Amino acid sequence: MVAKQSKETAKLAVHALEEKKAKDIRIIDISDVTVVADYFIIASGNNRNQVQAMADEVEETLYKAGMEPKQVEGYQTANWILLDYQDIIIHIFDEENRLFYDLERIWRDGHETTKEELEA
């Protein structure tokens, strides 16, 4: 069962990604598959600047809500930025690396959910 706080954090993160025109945002509920987190949020951008801007927007939005990432990886190269908020892990890719790593396939045992389901 996903905690209410996880849903709220996921909603804020998705909204921040949408603000920076993220492409193909996927929300995967992994709470029944692993104890690592409740949600993976996966999105992609067109180039390094957009990928970094998306990460910046997520960090700023969640910071304003009182949350700081436990860890941030890959910001400098910006081909795959990982933002770890404990219960929510956000993966922001450039298109080439998203296809290569294919996290949606790896985590297919999770339940893909929608923004609307988060808001319900």
N, C-alpha and C. Protein backbone atom coordinates (compact mmCIF):
# COMPACT_ATOMS: atom_id res chain seq x y z
N MET A 1 0.85 -1.19 0.00
CA MET A 1 0.00 0.00 0.00
C MET A 1 0.88 1.24 0.00
N VAL A 2 0.63 2.12 -0.93
CA VAL A 2 1.43 3.33 -1.07
C VAL A 2 0.97 4.39 -0.07
N ALA A 3 1.94 4.99 0.59
CA ALA A 3 1.63 6.04 1.56
C ALA A 3 1.10 7.29 0.86
N LYS A 4 0.22 8.01 1.54
CA LYS A 4 -0.35 9.24 1.00
C LYS A 4 0.75 10.25 0.65
N GLN A 5 1.78 10.33 1.50
CA GLN A 5 2.88 11.27 1.25
C GLN A 5 3.61 10.93 -0.06
N SER A 6 3.78 9.66 -0.34
CA SER A 6 4.43 9.25 -1.58
C SER A 6 3.63 9.71 -2.79
N LYS A 7 2.30 9.57 -2.71
CA LYS A 7 1.44 10.01 -3.81
C LYS A 7 1.57 11.52 -4.01
N GLU A 8 1.57 12.27 -2.93
CA GLU A 8 1.68 13.72 -3.02
C GLU A 8 3.02 14.13 -3.63
N THR A 9 4.08 13.49 -3.20
CA THR A 9 5.41 13.78 -3.74
C THR A 9 5.45 13.45 -5.22
N ALA A 10 4.90 12.31 -5.60
CA ALA A 10 4.87 11.91 -7.01
C ALA A 10 4.09 12.93 -7.84
N LYS A 11 2.94 13.38 -7.34
CA LYS A 11 2.14 14.37 -8.07
C LYS A 11 2.93 15.65 -8.30
N LEU A 12 3.61 16.12 -7.25
CA LEU A 12 4.41 17.35 -7.38
C LEU A 12 5.53 17.17 -8.40
N ALA A 13 6.18 16.02 -8.35
CA ALA A 13 7.29 15.76 -9.28
C ALA A 13 6.79 15.71 -10.73
N VAL A 14 5.68 15.04 -10.95
CA VAL A 14 5.12 14.96 -12.31
C VAL A 14 4.74 16.34 -12.81
N HIS A 15 4.12 17.13 -11.96
CA HIS A 15 3.75 18.50 -12.35
C HIS A 15 5.00 19.31 -12.73
N ALA A 16 6.05 19.18 -11.94
CA ALA A 16 7.30 19.91 -12.23
C ALA A 16 7.88 19.46 -13.57
N LEU A 17 7.84 18.18 -13.84
CA LEU A 17 8.35 17.68 -15.13
C LEU A 17 7.51 18.22 -16.28
N GLU A 18 6.21 18.26 -16.10
CA GLU A 18 5.33 18.81 -17.14
C GLU A 18 5.62 20.28 -17.39
N GLU A 19 5.95 21.02 -16.35
CA GLU A 19 6.27 22.44 -16.49
C GLU A 19 7.45 22.66 -17.43
N LYS A 20 8.37 21.71 -17.47
CA LYS A 20 9.55 21.83 -18.32
C LYS A 20 9.43 20.98 -19.58
N LYS A 21 8.18 20.64 -19.94
CA LYS A 21 7.87 19.95 -21.20
C LYS A 21 8.53 18.58 -21.32
N ALA A 22 8.56 17.84 -20.22
CA ALA A 22 9.11 16.48 -20.25
C ALA A 22 8.31 15.63 -21.23
N LYS A 23 8.99 14.71 -21.85
CA LYS A 23 8.35 13.82 -22.82
C LYS A 23 8.12 12.45 -22.18
N ASP A 24 7.00 11.85 -22.54
CA ASP A 24 6.69 10.47 -22.19
C ASP A 24 6.90 10.17 -20.70
N ILE A 25 6.20 10.90 -19.85
CA ILE A 25 6.32 10.70 -18.40
C ILE A 25 5.59 9.40 -18.03
N ARG A 26 6.31 8.53 -17.35
CA ARG A 26 5.74 7.27 -16.88
C ARG A 26 5.84 7.22 -15.37
N ILE A 27 4.78 6.76 -14.74
CA ILE A 27 4.75 6.61 -13.29
C ILE A 27 4.54 5.12 -13.02
N ILE A 28 5.50 4.51 -12.36
CA ILE A 28 5.40 3.08 -12.08
C ILE A 28 5.35 2.87 -10.57
N ASP A 29 4.25 2.28 -10.12
CA ASP A 29 4.08 1.93 -8.71
C ASP A 29 4.85 0.63 -8.49
N ILE A 30 5.95 0.71 -7.75
CA ILE A 30 6.78 -0.47 -7.50
C ILE A 30 6.67 -0.94 -6.05
N SER A 31 5.69 -0.42 -5.32
CA SER A 31 5.56 -0.71 -3.90
C SER A 31 5.32 -2.19 -3.60
N ASP A 32 4.69 -2.91 -4.53
CA ASP A 32 4.45 -4.34 -4.33
C ASP A 32 5.60 -5.21 -4.83
N VAL A 33 6.58 -4.58 -5.48
CA VAL A 33 7.67 -5.33 -6.10
C VAL A 33 8.97 -5.25 -5.30
N THR A 34 9.18 -4.12 -4.63
CA THR A 34 10.44 -3.88 -3.93
C THR A 34 10.22 -2.95 -2.74
N VAL A 35 11.18 -2.94 -1.84
CA VAL A 35 11.13 -2.00 -0.72
C VAL A 35 11.98 -0.76 -1.01
N VAL A 36 12.58 -0.71 -2.18
CA VAL A 36 13.45 0.40 -2.56
C VAL A 36 12.70 1.72 -2.57
N ALA A 37 11.48 1.71 -3.09
CA ALA A 37 10.69 2.94 -3.21
C ALA A 37 9.24 2.56 -3.50
N ASP A 38 8.36 3.56 -3.46
CA ASP A 38 6.97 3.34 -3.84
C ASP A 38 6.75 3.59 -5.33
N TYR A 39 7.42 4.62 -5.86
CA TYR A 39 7.25 4.98 -7.26
C TYR A 39 8.58 5.23 -7.95
N PHE A 40 8.64 4.83 -9.21
CA PHE A 40 9.64 5.32 -10.14
C PHE A 40 8.89 6.26 -11.08
N ILE A 41 9.47 7.42 -11.31
CA ILE A 41 8.93 8.33 -12.31
C ILE A 41 10.02 8.46 -13.36
N ILE A 42 9.65 8.19 -14.59
CA ILE A 42 10.60 8.19 -15.70
C ILE A 42 10.13 9.20 -16.73
N ALA A 43 11.07 10.04 -17.18
CA ALA A 43 10.73 11.04 -18.20
C ALA A 43 11.96 11.28 -19.05
N SER A 44 11.76 11.91 -20.20
CA SER A 44 12.91 12.24 -21.03
C SER A 44 12.80 13.65 -21.59
N GLY A 45 13.98 14.15 -21.94
CA GLY A 45 14.09 15.48 -22.53
C GLY A 45 14.86 15.40 -23.83
N ASN A 46 14.82 16.49 -24.57
CA ASN A 46 15.43 16.53 -25.90
C ASN A 46 16.94 16.71 -25.89
N ASN A 47 17.45 17.39 -24.86
CA ASN A 47 18.88 17.69 -24.84
C ASN A 47 19.34 17.90 -23.39
N ARG A 48 20.64 18.07 -23.24
CA ARG A 48 21.25 18.21 -21.91
C ARG A 48 20.62 19.35 -21.11
N ASN A 49 20.44 20.50 -21.75
CA ASN A 49 19.87 21.66 -21.05
C ASN A 49 18.46 21.39 -20.54
N GLN A 50 17.64 20.75 -21.36
CA GLN A 50 16.28 20.46 -20.94
C GLN A 50 16.27 19.43 -19.81
N VAL A 51 17.11 18.41 -19.92
CA VAL A 51 17.18 17.38 -18.88
C VAL A 51 17.59 18.02 -17.54
N GLN A 52 18.57 18.90 -17.57
CA GLN A 52 18.99 19.59 -16.34
C GLN A 52 17.89 20.52 -15.83
N ALA A 53 17.22 21.22 -16.73
CA ALA A 53 16.13 22.13 -16.32
C ALA A 53 15.00 21.34 -15.67
N MET A 54 14.72 20.16 -16.18
CA MET A 54 13.69 19.31 -15.59
C MET A 54 14.09 18.91 -14.17
N ALA A 55 15.33 18.50 -14.00
CA ALA A 55 15.82 18.12 -12.66
C ALA A 55 15.77 19.31 -11.71
N ASP A 56 16.19 20.48 -12.20
CA ASP A 56 16.16 21.69 -11.37
C ASP A 56 14.73 22.02 -10.92
N GLU A 57 13.79 21.89 -11.85
CA GLU A 57 12.39 22.20 -11.54
C GLU A 57 11.83 21.23 -10.49
N VAL A 58 12.15 19.95 -10.64
CA VAL A 58 11.69 18.96 -9.65
C VAL A 58 12.29 19.29 -8.29
N GLU A 59 13.60 19.54 -8.25
CA GLU A 59 14.25 19.84 -6.97
C GLU A 59 13.64 21.09 -6.32
N GLU A 60 13.43 22.14 -7.10
CA GLU A 60 12.87 23.39 -6.56
C GLU A 60 11.45 23.18 -6.05
N THR A 61 10.63 22.49 -6.83
CA THR A 61 9.24 22.25 -6.44
C THR A 61 9.17 21.43 -5.15
N LEU A 62 9.95 20.37 -5.08
CA LEU A 62 9.90 19.51 -3.89
C LEU A 62 10.56 20.19 -2.69
N TYR A 63 11.56 21.02 -2.93
CA TYR A 63 12.18 21.78 -1.84
C TYR A 63 11.16 22.72 -1.20
N LYS A 64 10.37 23.38 -2.05
CA LYS A 64 9.33 24.29 -1.54
C LYS A 64 8.29 23.53 -0.73
N ALA A 65 8.14 22.24 -0.99
CA ALA A 65 7.20 21.40 -0.24
C ALA A 65 7.88 20.75 0.97
N GLY A 66 9.13 21.16 1.23
CA GLY A 66 9.83 20.67 2.42
C GLY A 66 10.62 19.39 2.23
N MET A 67 10.90 19.03 0.99
CA MET A 67 11.62 17.78 0.73
C MET A 67 12.95 18.06 0.03
N GLU A 68 13.95 17.33 0.44
CA GLU A 68 15.26 17.41 -0.21
C GLU A 68 15.65 16.01 -0.65
N PRO A 69 16.35 15.93 -1.78
CA PRO A 69 16.74 14.60 -2.25
C PRO A 69 17.79 13.97 -1.34
N LYS A 70 17.66 12.67 -1.17
CA LYS A 70 18.67 11.92 -0.44
C LYS A 70 19.95 11.87 -1.26
N GLN A 71 19.77 11.80 -2.58
CA GLN A 71 20.91 11.70 -3.49
C GLN A 71 20.51 12.18 -4.88
N VAL A 72 21.48 12.79 -5.57
CA VAL A 72 21.31 13.19 -6.97
C VAL A 72 22.51 12.65 -7.72
N GLU A 73 22.26 11.95 -8.80
CA GLU A 73 23.33 11.38 -9.62
C GLU A 73 23.18 11.82 -11.07
N GLY A 74 24.29 12.03 -11.74
CA GLY A 74 24.29 12.24 -13.18
C GLY A 74 23.98 13.64 -13.66
N TYR A 75 23.94 14.62 -12.76
CA TYR A 75 23.53 15.97 -13.18
C TYR A 75 24.50 16.58 -14.20
N GLN A 76 25.78 16.41 -13.99
CA GLN A 76 26.77 17.05 -14.88
C GLN A 76 26.68 16.54 -16.31
N THR A 77 26.60 15.22 -16.48
CA THR A 77 26.54 14.68 -17.84
C THR A 77 25.14 14.81 -18.43
N ALA A 78 24.14 14.72 -17.57
CA ALA A 78 22.73 14.93 -17.93
C ALA A 78 22.21 13.99 -19.00
N ASN A 79 22.82 12.79 -19.12
CA ASN A 79 22.19 11.81 -20.02
C ASN A 79 21.24 10.90 -19.24
N TRP A 80 21.45 10.84 -17.91
CA TRP A 80 20.51 10.15 -17.01
C TRP A 80 20.69 10.78 -15.64
N ILE A 81 19.72 11.57 -15.22
CA ILE A 81 19.77 12.16 -13.88
C ILE A 81 18.82 11.37 -13.00
N LEU A 82 19.34 10.95 -11.86
CA LEU A 82 18.54 10.23 -10.87
C LEU A 82 18.37 11.11 -9.65
N LEU A 83 17.12 11.35 -9.27
CA LEU A 83 16.80 12.11 -8.07
C LEU A 83 16.14 11.15 -7.09
N ASP A 84 16.79 10.90 -5.97
CA ASP A 84 16.30 9.93 -5.00
C ASP A 84 15.66 10.65 -3.82
N TYR A 85 14.34 10.54 -3.75
CA TYR A 85 13.58 11.12 -2.65
C TYR A 85 13.04 10.01 -1.74
N GLN A 86 13.80 8.96 -1.59
CA GLN A 86 13.50 7.78 -0.77
C GLN A 86 12.30 7.01 -1.30
N ASP A 87 11.10 7.49 -1.10
CA ASP A 87 9.92 6.75 -1.56
C ASP A 87 9.63 6.97 -3.03
N ILE A 88 10.21 8.03 -3.59
CA ILE A 88 10.03 8.37 -5.00
C ILE A 88 11.41 8.48 -5.62
N ILE A 89 11.63 7.77 -6.72
CA ILE A 89 12.89 7.90 -7.44
C ILE A 89 12.56 8.38 -8.84
N ILE A 90 13.16 9.51 -9.21
CA ILE A 90 12.86 10.14 -10.49
C ILE A 90 14.06 9.95 -11.41
N HIS A 91 13.78 9.42 -12.59
CA HIS A 91 14.80 9.17 -13.61
C HIS A 91 14.50 10.10 -14.78
N ILE A 92 15.45 10.97 -15.09
CA ILE A 92 15.27 11.88 -16.22
C ILE A 92 16.38 11.57 -17.23
N PHE A 93 15.98 11.15 -18.40
CA PHE A 93 16.90 10.68 -19.43
C PHE A 93 16.92 11.59 -20.64
N ASP A 94 18.03 11.52 -21.40
CA ASP A 94 17.96 11.95 -22.79
C ASP A 94 17.36 10.75 -23.53
N GLU A 95 16.90 10.95 -24.72
CA GLU A 95 16.16 9.90 -25.41
C GLU A 95 17.00 8.65 -25.68
N GLU A 96 18.25 8.84 -26.08
CA GLU A 96 19.11 7.70 -26.41
C GLU A 96 19.32 6.79 -25.19
N ASN A 97 19.63 7.37 -24.05
CA ASN A 97 19.87 6.57 -22.86
C ASN A 97 18.58 5.95 -22.32
N ARG A 98 17.46 6.63 -22.49
CA ARG A 98 16.20 6.03 -22.05
C ARG A 98 15.92 4.75 -22.82
N LEU A 99 16.15 4.79 -24.12
CA LEU A 99 15.95 3.58 -24.93
C LEU A 99 16.94 2.49 -24.53
N PHE A 100 18.18 2.88 -24.29
CA PHE A 100 19.22 1.91 -23.95
C PHE A 100 18.93 1.21 -22.62
N TYR A 101 18.61 1.96 -21.59
CA TYR A 101 18.41 1.37 -20.26
C TYR A 101 17.03 0.75 -20.08
N ASP A 102 16.03 1.27 -20.78
CA ASP A 102 14.69 0.69 -20.82
C ASP A 102 14.16 0.27 -19.45
N LEU A 103 14.12 1.23 -18.52
CA LEU A 103 13.66 0.92 -17.16
C LEU A 103 12.22 0.43 -17.12
N GLU A 104 11.41 0.88 -18.07
CA GLU A 104 10.02 0.42 -18.10
C GLU A 104 9.96 -1.09 -18.26
N ARG A 105 10.85 -1.65 -19.07
CA ARG A 105 10.89 -3.10 -19.26
C ARG A 105 11.42 -3.78 -18.01
N ILE A 106 12.48 -3.25 -17.44
CA ILE A 106 13.09 -3.86 -16.26
C ILE A 106 12.11 -3.90 -15.10
N TRP A 107 11.31 -2.85 -14.95
CA TRP A 107 10.36 -2.76 -13.83
C TRP A 107 8.93 -3.07 -14.26
N ARG A 108 8.77 -3.89 -15.27
CA ARG A 108 7.43 -4.20 -15.79
C ARG A 108 6.54 -4.94 -14.77
N ASP A 109 7.14 -5.50 -13.73
CA ASP A 109 6.34 -6.14 -12.68
C ASP A 109 5.61 -5.11 -11.82
N GLY A 110 6.06 -3.86 -11.91
CA GLY A 110 5.35 -2.79 -11.21
C GLY A 110 4.07 -2.45 -11.95
N HIS A 111 3.24 -1.64 -11.33
CA HIS A 111 1.97 -1.23 -11.94
C HIS A 111 2.12 0.19 -12.48
N GLU A 112 2.00 0.31 -13.81
CA GLU A 112 2.05 1.66 -14.38
C GLU A 112 0.75 2.38 -14.02
N THR A 113 0.91 3.57 -13.50
CA THR A 113 -0.23 4.35 -13.06
C THR A 113 -0.26 5.68 -13.80
N THR A 114 -1.31 6.44 -13.60
CA THR A 114 -1.44 7.72 -14.28
C THR A 114 -1.46 8.86 -13.26
N LYS A 115 -1.29 10.05 -13.77
CA LYS A 115 -1.39 11.23 -12.92
C LYS A 115 -2.78 11.32 -12.30
N GLU A 116 -3.79 10.96 -13.07
CA GLU A 116 -5.15 11.01 -12.57
C GLU A 116 -5.35 10.02 -11.42
N GLU A 117 -4.74 8.85 -11.50
CA GLU A 117 -4.83 7.88 -10.41
C GLU A 117 -4.15 8.39 -9.16
N LEU A 118 -3.05 9.14 -9.32
CA LEU A 118 -2.37 9.73 -8.16
C LEU A 118 -3.27 10.74 -7.46
N GLU A 119 -4.08 11.44 -8.25
CA GLU A 119 -4.91 12.49 -7.70
C GLU A 119 -6.21 11.96 -7.08
N ALA A 120 -6.53 10.70 -7.37
CA ALA A 120 -7.78 10.11 -6.84
C ALA A 120 -7.69 9.82 -5.35
